[in-house]
Amino acid sequence: MMDGLKSASRLSFVRPNAAPFLFLNVSQTGMSGDEFSQFLLKNYGVPTDGGAFFGSDSHVRLLFGAPDEVILTAAKRIAAASEEYFSR
């Protein structure tokens, strides 16, 4: 997941210690975590959770509970989404 997200423009994250999920900071998009989560699902088919429930409305939560190839595909789609969003 982290390797696939390295190319995601203006999105950041902190490497998790042991948790099976990653919080992706989407604050530079100007969208809330819930809005970005909906954008990803609607336009790229990537399910995420908005971060407000977990304490931060400027994040989305990404889970690692899938095979590696599915995780990498999701990360590449998120990177493509950030490129599309910031190229507007």
PDB file of N, CA and C in Angstrom:
ATOM      1  N   MET A   1       0.831  -1.188   0.000  1.00  0.00           N
ATOM      2  CA  MET A   1       0.000   0.000   0.000  1.00  0.00           C
ATOM      3  C   MET A   1       0.872   1.246   0.000  1.00  0.00           C
ATOM      4  N   MET A   2       1.855   1.276   0.865  1.00  0.00           N
ATOM      5  CA  MET A   2       2.703   2.467   0.979  1.00  0.00           C
ATOM      6  C   MET A   2       3.501   2.703  -0.295  1.00  0.00           C
ATOM      7  N   ASP A   3       4.015   1.654  -0.909  1.00  0.00           N
ATOM      8  CA  ASP A   3       4.756   1.814  -2.163  1.00  0.00           C
ATOM      9  C   ASP A   3       3.871   2.394  -3.249  1.00  0.00           C
ATOM     10  N   GLY A   4       2.633   1.929  -3.338  1.00  0.00           N
ATOM     11  CA  GLY A   4       1.718   2.419  -4.354  1.00  0.00           C
ATOM     12  C   GLY A   4       1.277   3.845  -4.130  1.00  0.00           C
ATOM     13  N   LEU A   5       1.304   4.311  -2.877  1.00  0.00           N
ATOM     14  CA  LEU A   5       0.862   5.662  -2.560  1.00  0.00           C
ATOM     15  C   LEU A   5       1.966   6.707  -2.640  1.00  0.00           C
ATOM     16  N   LYS A   6       3.198   6.278  -2.808  1.00  0.00           N
ATOM     17  CA  LYS A   6       4.315   7.232  -2.847  1.00  0.00           C
ATOM     18  C   LYS A   6       4.158   8.275  -3.945  1.00  0.00           C
ATOM     19  N   SER A   7       3.508   7.904  -5.041  1.00  0.00           N
ATOM     20  CA  SER A   7       3.353   8.843  -6.153  1.00  0.00           C
ATOM     21  C   SER A   7       2.070   9.661  -6.060  1.00  0.00           C
ATOM     22  N   ALA A   8       1.314   9.513  -5.001  1.00  0.00           N
ATOM     23  CA  ALA A   8       0.050  10.241  -4.854  1.00  0.00           C
ATOM     24  C   ALA A   8       0.322  11.700  -4.508  1.00  0.00           C
ATOM     25  N   SER A   9       0.017  12.575  -5.446  1.00  0.00           N
ATOM     26  CA  SER A   9       0.268  14.004  -5.250  1.00  0.00           C
ATOM     27  C   SER A   9      -0.460  14.556  -4.034  1.00  0.00           C
ATOM     28  N   ARG A  10       0.296  15.212  -3.184  1.00  0.00           N
ATOM     29  CA  ARG A  10      -0.209  15.968  -2.043  1.00  0.00           C
ATOM     30  C   ARG A  10      -1.003  15.159  -1.027  1.00  0.00           C
ATOM     31  N   LEU A  11      -0.893  13.850  -1.081  1.00  0.00           N
ATOM     32  CA  LEU A  11      -1.490  13.006  -0.058  1.00  0.00           C
ATOM     33  C   LEU A  11      -0.353  12.442   0.773  1.00  0.00           C
ATOM     34  N   SER A  12      -0.549  12.368   2.072  1.00  0.00           N
ATOM     35  CA  SER A  12       0.535  11.884   2.929  1.00  0.00           C
ATOM     36  C   SER A  12       0.000  10.885   3.946  1.00  0.00           C
ATOM     37  N   PHE A  13       0.911  10.170   4.544  1.00  0.00           N
ATOM     38  CA  PHE A  13       0.566   9.190   5.564  1.00  0.00           C
ATOM     39  C   PHE A  13       1.778   8.945   6.430  1.00  0.00           C
ATOM     40  N   VAL A  14       1.536   8.384   7.587  1.00  0.00           N
ATOM     41  CA  VAL A  14       2.593   7.966   8.500  1.00  0.00           C
ATOM     42  C   VAL A  14       2.593   6.449   8.505  1.00  0.00           C
ATOM     43  N   ARG A  15       3.760   5.872   8.382  1.00  0.00           N
ATOM     44  CA  ARG A  15       3.892   4.404   8.371  1.00  0.00           C
ATOM     45  C   ARG A  15       3.305   3.837   9.664  1.00  0.00           C
ATOM     46  N   PRO A  16       2.334   2.926   9.565  1.00  0.00           N
ATOM     47  CA  PRO A  16       1.744   2.354  10.788  1.00  0.00           C
ATOM     48  C   PRO A  16       2.720   1.406  11.482  1.00  0.00           C
ATOM     49  N   ASN A  17       2.615   1.340  12.806  1.00  0.00           N
ATOM     50  CA  ASN A  17       3.491   0.447  13.565  1.00  0.00           C
ATOM     51  C   ASN A  17       3.060  -1.005  13.462  1.00  0.00           C
ATOM     52  N   ALA A  18       1.803  -1.288  13.762  1.00  0.00           N
ATOM     53  CA  ALA A  18       1.362  -2.681  13.757  1.00  0.00           C
ATOM     54  C   ALA A  18      -0.079  -2.831  13.290  1.00  0.00           C
ATOM     55  N   ALA A  19      -0.768  -1.742  13.063  1.00  0.00           N
ATOM     56  CA  ALA A  19      -2.183  -1.796  12.699  1.00  0.00           C
ATOM     57  C   ALA A  19      -2.367  -2.248  11.249  1.00  0.00           C
ATOM     58  N   PRO A  20      -3.489  -2.921  10.953  1.00  0.00           N
ATOM     59  CA  PRO A  20      -3.749  -3.379   9.584  1.00  0.00           C
ATOM     60  C   PRO A  20      -4.437  -2.321   8.731  1.00  0.00           C
ATOM     61  N   PHE A  21      -4.196  -1.052   9.053  1.00  0.00           N
ATOM     62  CA  PHE A  21      -4.782   0.023   8.267  1.00  0.00           C
ATOM     63  C   PHE A  21      -3.846   1.215   8.240  1.00  0.00           C
ATOM     64  N   LEU A  22      -4.139   2.128   7.324  1.00  0.00           N
ATOM     65  CA  LEU A  22      -3.313   3.309   7.123  1.00  0.00           C
ATOM     66  C   LEU A  22      -4.232   4.517   7.076  1.00  0.00           C
ATOM     67  N   PHE A  23      -3.863   5.602   7.738  1.00  0.00           N
ATOM     68  CA  PHE A  23      -4.610   6.852   7.641  1.00  0.00           C
ATOM     69  C   PHE A  23      -3.928   7.734   6.607  1.00  0.00           C
ATOM     70  N   LEU A  24      -4.692   8.089   5.589  1.00  0.00           N
ATOM     71  CA  LEU A  24      -4.190   8.906   4.490  1.00  0.00           C
ATOM     72  C   LEU A  24      -4.695  10.329   4.682  1.00  0.00           C
ATOM     73  N   ASN A  25      -3.766  11.277   4.795  1.00  0.00           N
ATOM     74  CA  ASN A  25      -4.112  12.682   4.984  1.00  0.00           C
ATOM     75  C   ASN A  25      -4.526  13.274   3.643  1.00  0.00           C
ATOM     76  N   VAL A  26      -5.770  13.744   3.564  1.00  0.00           N
ATOM     77  CA  VAL A  26      -6.295  14.314   2.317  1.00  0.00           C
ATOM     78  C   VAL A  26      -6.581  15.808   2.459  1.00  0.00           C
ATOM     79  N   SER A  27      -6.037  16.444   3.476  1.00  0.00           N
ATOM     80  CA  SER A  27      -6.357  17.849   3.771  1.00  0.00           C
ATOM     81  C   SER A  27      -6.020  18.789   2.621  1.00  0.00           C
ATOM     82  N   GLN A  28      -5.006  18.479   1.834  1.00  0.00           N
ATOM     83  CA  GLN A  28      -4.635  19.379   0.728  1.00  0.00           C
ATOM     84  C   GLN A  28      -5.625  19.336  -0.438  1.00  0.00           C
ATOM     85  N   THR A  29      -6.537  18.383  -0.422  1.00  0.00           N
ATOM     86  CA  THR A  29      -7.549  18.334  -1.479  1.00  0.00           C
ATOM     87  C   THR A  29      -8.643  19.365  -1.257  1.00  0.00           C
ATOM     88  N   GLY A  30      -8.775  19.835  -0.022  1.00  0.00           N
ATOM     89  CA  GLY A  30      -9.872  20.738   0.309  1.00  0.00           C
ATOM     90  C   GLY A  30     -11.165  19.987   0.595  1.00  0.00           C
ATOM     91  N   MET A  31     -11.128  18.663   0.490  1.00  0.00           N
ATOM     92  CA  MET A  31     -12.286  17.842   0.805  1.00  0.00           C
ATOM     93  C   MET A  31     -12.121  17.247   2.196  1.00  0.00           C
ATOM     94  N   SER A  32     -13.244  16.929   2.808  1.00  0.00           N
ATOM     95  CA  SER A  32     -13.173  16.193   4.068  1.00  0.00           C
ATOM     96  C   SER A  32     -12.810  14.748   3.750  1.00  0.00           C
ATOM     97  N   GLY A  33     -12.466  14.008   4.759  1.00  0.00           N
ATOM     98  CA  GLY A  33     -12.175  12.594   4.564  1.00  0.00           C
ATOM     99  C   GLY A  33     -13.376  11.849   4.004  1.00  0.00           C
ATOM    100  N   ASP A  34     -14.570  12.191   4.494  1.00  0.00           N
ATOM    101  CA  ASP A  34     -15.783  11.548   3.985  1.00  0.00           C
ATOM    102  C   ASP A  34     -16.005  11.884   2.512  1.00  0.00           C
ATOM    103  N   GLU A  35     -15.790  13.134   2.134  1.00  0.00           N
ATOM    104  CA  GLU A  35     -15.966  13.538   0.735  1.00  0.00           C
ATOM    105  C   GLU A  35     -14.953  12.839  -0.171  1.00  0.00           C
ATOM    106  N   PHE A  36     -13.692  12.781   0.272  1.00  0.00           N
ATOM    107  CA  PHE A  36     -12.668  12.114  -0.533  1.00  0.00           C
ATOM    108  C   PHE A  36     -12.955  10.621  -0.627  1.00  0.00           C
ATOM    109  N   SER A  37     -13.445  10.039   0.449  1.00  0.00           N
ATOM    110  CA  SER A  37     -13.804   8.633   0.449  1.00  0.00           C
ATOM    111  C   SER A  37     -14.888   8.364  -0.598  1.00  0.00           C
ATOM    112  N   GLN A  38     -15.894   9.215  -0.650  1.00  0.00           N
ATOM    113  CA  GLN A  38     -16.954   9.072  -1.650  1.00  0.00           C
ATOM    114  C   GLN A  38     -16.421   9.274  -3.068  1.00  0.00           C
ATOM    115  N   PHE A  39     -15.518  10.232  -3.245  1.00  0.00           N
ATOM    116  CA  PHE A  39     -14.876  10.488  -4.543  1.00  0.00           C
ATOM    117  C   PHE A  39     -14.134   9.237  -5.022  1.00  0.00           C
ATOM    118  N   LEU A  40     -13.385   8.603  -4.119  1.00  0.00           N
ATOM    119  CA  LEU A  40     -12.645   7.393  -4.482  1.00  0.00           C
ATOM    120  C   LEU A  40     -13.579   6.248  -4.861  1.00  0.00           C
ATOM    121  N   LEU A  41     -14.631   6.070  -4.092  1.00  0.00           N
ATOM    122  CA  LEU A  41     -15.551   4.977  -4.367  1.00  0.00           C
ATOM    123  C   LEU A  41     -16.308   5.203  -5.682  1.00  0.00           C
ATOM    124  N   LYS A  42     -16.832   6.396  -5.859  1.00  0.00           N
ATOM    125  CA  LYS A  42     -17.642   6.700  -7.041  1.00  0.00           C
ATOM    126  C   LYS A  42     -16.824   6.683  -8.330  1.00  0.00           C
ATOM    127  N   ASN A  43     -15.648   7.259  -8.298  1.00  0.00           N
ATOM    128  CA  ASN A  43     -14.864   7.445  -9.520  1.00  0.00           C
ATOM    129  C   ASN A  43     -13.793   6.387  -9.766  1.00  0.00           C
ATOM    130  N   TYR A  44     -13.367   5.685  -8.719  1.00  0.00           N
ATOM    131  CA  TYR A  44     -12.261   4.736  -8.857  1.00  0.00           C
ATOM    132  C   TYR A  44     -12.548   3.352  -8.275  1.00  0.00           C
ATOM    133  N   GLY A  45     -13.722   3.180  -7.679  1.00  0.00           N
ATOM    134  CA  GLY A  45     -14.092   1.878  -7.142  1.00  0.00           C
ATOM    135  C   GLY A  45     -13.259   1.432  -5.953  1.00  0.00           C
ATOM    136  N   VAL A  46     -12.696   2.399  -5.222  1.00  0.00           N
ATOM    137  CA  VAL A  46     -11.863   2.067  -4.054  1.00  0.00           C
ATOM    138  C   VAL A  46     -12.644   2.391  -2.783  1.00  0.00           C
ATOM    139  N   PRO A  47     -13.023   1.366  -2.015  1.00  0.00           N
ATOM    140  CA  PRO A  47     -13.729   1.627  -0.759  1.00  0.00           C
ATOM    141  C   PRO A  47     -12.765   2.024   0.352  1.00  0.00           C
ATOM    142  N   THR A  48     -13.085   3.098   1.030  1.00  0.00           N
ATOM    143  CA  THR A  48     -12.315   3.566   2.182  1.00  0.00           C
ATOM    144  C   THR A  48     -13.317   4.037   3.230  1.00  0.00           C
ATOM    145  N   ASP A  49     -12.823   4.360   4.391  1.00  0.00           N
ATOM    146  CA  ASP A  49     -13.659   4.942   5.440  1.00  0.00           C
ATOM    147  C   ASP A  49     -13.218   6.374   5.659  1.00  0.00           C
ATOM    148  N   GLY A  50     -14.167   7.303   5.728  1.00  0.00           N
ATOM    149  CA  GLY A  50     -13.833   8.662   6.113  1.00  0.00           C
ATOM    150  C   GLY A  50     -13.266   8.657   7.517  1.00  0.00           C
ATOM    151  N   GLY A  51     -12.350   9.549   7.805  1.00  0.00           N
ATOM    152  CA  GLY A  51     -11.654   9.531   9.084  1.00  0.00           C
ATOM    153  C   GLY A  51     -12.363  10.180  10.244  1.00  0.00           C
ATOM    154  N   ALA A  52     -13.490  10.867  10.003  1.00  0.00           N
ATOM    155  CA  ALA A  52     -14.166  11.582  11.087  1.00  0.00           C
ATOM    156  C   ALA A  52     -14.527  10.645  12.237  1.00  0.00           C
ATOM    157  N   PHE A  53     -15.020   9.463  11.923  1.00  0.00           N
ATOM    158  CA  PHE A  53     -15.392   8.495  12.955  1.00  0.00           C
ATOM    159  C   PHE A  53     -14.190   8.096  13.802  1.00  0.00           C
ATOM    160  N   PHE A  54     -12.996   8.160  13.209  1.00  0.00           N
ATOM    161  CA  PHE A  54     -11.772   7.739  13.897  1.00  0.00           C
ATOM    162  C   PHE A  54     -11.007   8.918  14.488  1.00  0.00           C
ATOM    163  N   GLY A  55     -11.596  10.127  14.420  1.00  0.00           N
ATOM    164  CA  GLY A  55     -11.006  11.275  15.084  1.00  0.00           C
ATOM    165  C   GLY A  55     -10.380  12.321  14.197  1.00  0.00           C
ATOM    166  N   SER A  56     -10.379  12.140  12.876  1.00  0.00           N
ATOM    167  CA  SER A  56      -9.796  13.149  12.004  1.00  0.00           C
ATOM    168  C   SER A  56     -10.570  13.247  10.696  1.00  0.00           C
ATOM    169  N   ASP A  57     -11.224  14.380  10.508  1.00  0.00           N
ATOM    170  CA  ASP A  57     -12.002  14.591   9.293  1.00  0.00           C
ATOM    171  C   ASP A  57     -11.136  14.890   8.080  1.00  0.00           C
ATOM    172  N   SER A  58      -9.839  15.016   8.257  1.00  0.00           N
ATOM    173  CA  SER A  58      -8.948  15.298   7.121  1.00  0.00           C
ATOM    174  C   SER A  58      -8.208  14.039   6.658  1.00  0.00           C
ATOM    175  N   HIS A  59      -8.701  12.872   7.053  1.00  0.00           N
ATOM    176  CA  HIS A  59      -8.073  11.600   6.689  1.00  0.00           C
ATOM    177  C   HIS A  59      -9.100  10.614   6.158  1.00  0.00           C
ATOM    178  N   VAL A  60      -8.613   9.630   5.430  1.00  0.00           N
ATOM    179  CA  VAL A  60      -9.392   8.437   5.114  1.00  0.00           C
ATOM    180  C   VAL A  60      -8.614   7.249   5.645  1.00  0.00           C
ATOM    181  N   ARG A  61      -9.349   6.197   5.976  1.00  0.00           N
ATOM    182  CA  ARG A  61      -8.711   4.993   6.520  1.00  0.00           C
ATOM    183  C   ARG A  61      -8.709   3.917   5.444  1.00  0.00           C
ATOM    184  N   LEU A  62      -7.534   3.364   5.197  1.00  0.00           N
ATOM    185  CA  LEU A  62      -7.350   2.304   4.210  1.00  0.00           C
ATOM    186  C   LEU A  62      -7.011   1.021   4.942  1.00  0.00           C
ATOM    187  N   LEU A  63      -7.720  -0.065   4.615  1.00  0.00           N
ATOM    188  CA  LEU A  63      -7.458  -1.348   5.254  1.00  0.00           C
ATOM    189  C   LEU A  63      -6.555  -2.208   4.386  1.00  0.00           C
ATOM    190  N   PHE A  64      -5.771  -3.084   5.009  1.00  0.00           N
ATOM    191  CA  PHE A  64      -4.854  -3.980   4.300  1.00  0.00           C
ATOM    192  C   PHE A  64      -5.407  -5.394   4.194  1.00  0.00           C
ATOM    193  N   GLY A  65      -6.698  -5.605   4.404  1.00  0.00           N
ATOM    194  CA  GLY A  65      -7.254  -6.950   4.480  1.00  0.00           C
ATOM    195  C   GLY A  65      -7.597  -7.575   3.141  1.00  0.00           C
ATOM    196  N   ALA A  66      -6.681  -7.571   2.216  1.00  0.00           N
ATOM    197  CA  ALA A  66      -6.913  -8.170   0.896  1.00  0.00           C
ATOM    198  C   ALA A  66      -5.578  -8.696   0.368  1.00  0.00           C
ATOM    199  N   PRO A  67      -5.619  -9.500  -0.683  1.00  0.00           N
ATOM    200  CA  PRO A  67      -4.361  -9.965  -1.284  1.00  0.00           C
ATOM    201  C   PRO A  67      -3.501  -8.789  -1.765  1.00  0.00           C
ATOM    202  N   ASP A  68      -2.204  -9.003  -1.805  1.00  0.00           N
ATOM    203  CA  ASP A  68      -1.261  -7.944  -2.169  1.00  0.00           C
ATOM    204  C   ASP A  68      -1.602  -7.261  -3.485  1.00  0.00           C
ATOM    205  N   GLU A  69      -1.989  -8.034  -4.507  1.00  0.00           N
ATOM    206  CA  GLU A  69      -2.273  -7.431  -5.806  1.00  0.00           C
ATOM    207  C   GLU A  69      -3.500  -6.518  -5.747  1.00  0.00           C
ATOM    208  N   VAL A  70      -4.473  -6.842  -4.906  1.00  0.00           N
ATOM    209  CA  VAL A  70      -5.655  -5.989  -4.744  1.00  0.00           C
ATOM    210  C   VAL A  70      -5.261  -4.696  -4.033  1.00  0.00           C
ATOM    211  N   ILE A  71      -4.428  -4.808  -3.009  1.00  0.00           N
ATOM    212  CA  ILE A  71      -3.957  -3.639  -2.271  1.00  0.00           C
ATOM    213  C   ILE A  71      -3.160  -2.715  -3.191  1.00  0.00           C
ATOM    214  N   LEU A  72      -2.258  -3.266  -3.985  1.00  0.00           N
ATOM    215  CA  LEU A  72      -1.454  -2.454  -4.896  1.00  0.00           C
ATOM    216  C   LEU A  72      -2.332  -1.769  -5.947  1.00  0.00           C
ATOM    217  N   THR A  73      -3.315  -2.474  -6.465  1.00  0.00           N
ATOM    218  CA  THR A  73      -4.236  -1.870  -7.436  1.00  0.00           C
ATOM    219  C   THR A  73      -4.996  -0.712  -6.804  1.00  0.00           C
ATOM    220  N   ALA A  74      -5.473  -0.898  -5.585  1.00  0.00           N
ATOM    221  CA  ALA A  74      -6.185   0.171  -4.886  1.00  0.00           C
ATOM    222  C   ALA A  74      -5.276   1.383  -4.675  1.00  0.00           C
ATOM    223  N   ALA A  75      -4.037   1.150  -4.261  1.00  0.00           N
ATOM    224  CA  ALA A  75      -3.095   2.246  -4.041  1.00  0.00           C
ATOM    225  C   ALA A  75      -2.824   3.000  -5.342  1.00  0.00           C
ATOM    226  N   LYS A  76      -2.683   2.276  -6.438  1.00  0.00           N
ATOM    227  CA  LYS A  76      -2.457   2.934  -7.732  1.00  0.00           C
ATOM    228  C   LYS A  76      -3.673   3.743  -8.154  1.00  0.00           C
ATOM    229  N   ARG A  77      -4.865   3.252  -7.859  1.00  0.00           N
ATOM    230  CA  ARG A  77      -6.077   4.006  -8.180  1.00  0.00           C
ATOM    231  C   ARG A  77      -6.172   5.278  -7.332  1.00  0.00           C
ATOM    232  N   ILE A  78      -5.769   5.185  -6.067  1.00  0.00           N
ATOM    233  CA  ILE A  78      -5.771   6.374  -5.203  1.00  0.00           C
ATOM    234  C   ILE A  78      -4.776   7.400  -5.733  1.00  0.00           C
ATOM    235  N   ALA A  79      -3.599   6.948  -6.142  1.00  0.00           N
ATOM    236  CA  ALA A  79      -2.607   7.861  -6.722  1.00  0.00           C
ATOM    237  C   ALA A  79      -3.158   8.499  -7.993  1.00  0.00           C
ATOM    238  N   ALA A  80      -3.834   7.730  -8.833  1.00  0.00           N
ATOM    239  CA  ALA A  80      -4.442   8.273 -10.060  1.00  0.00           C
ATOM    240  C   ALA A  80      -5.526   9.285  -9.712  1.00  0.00           C
ATOM    241  N   ALA A  81      -6.300   9.011  -8.672  1.00  0.00           N
ATOM    242  CA  ALA A  81      -7.340   9.942  -8.242  1.00  0.00           C
ATOM    243  C   ALA A  81      -6.741  11.263  -7.801  1.00  0.00           C
ATOM    244  N   SER A  82      -5.625  11.207  -7.067  1.00  0.00           N
ATOM    245  CA  SER A  82      -4.992  12.459  -6.619  1.00  0.00           C
ATOM    246  C   SER A  82      -4.439  13.229  -7.811  1.00  0.00           C
ATOM    247  N   GLU A  83      -3.876  12.531  -8.778  1.00  0.00           N
ATOM    248  CA  GLU A  83      -3.370  13.204  -9.983  1.00  0.00           C
ATOM    249  C   GLU A  83      -4.508  13.878 -10.732  1.00  0.00           C
ATOM    250  N   GLU A  84      -5.632  13.176 -10.895  1.00  0.00           N
ATOM    251  CA  GLU A  84      -6.787  13.757 -11.577  1.00  0.00           C
ATOM    252  C   GLU A  84      -7.291  14.977 -10.823  1.00  0.00           C
ATOM    253  N   TYR A  85      -7.444  14.841  -9.516  1.00  0.00           N
ATOM    254  CA  TYR A  85      -7.999  15.927  -8.719  1.00  0.00           C
ATOM    255  C   TYR A  85      -7.130  17.179  -8.797  1.00  0.00           C
ATOM    256  N   PHE A  86      -5.827  17.022  -8.679  1.00  0.00           N
ATOM    257  CA  PHE A  86      -4.945  18.187  -8.647  1.00  0.00           C
ATOM    258  C   PHE A  86      -4.599  18.725 -10.028  1.00  0.00           C
ATOM    259  N   SER A  87      -4.958  18.004 -11.082  1.00  0.00           N
ATOM    260  CA  SER A  87      -4.697  18.524 -12.426  1.00  0.00           C
ATOM    261  C   SER A  87      -5.848  19.362 -12.952  1.00  0.00           C
ATOM    262  N   ARG A  88      -6.910  19.471 -12.179  1.00  0.00           N
ATOM    263  CA  ARG A  88      -8.071  20.282 -12.587  1.00  0.00           C
ATOM    264  C   ARG A  88      -7.751  21.738 -12.608  1.00  0.00           C
TER     265      ARG A  88
END
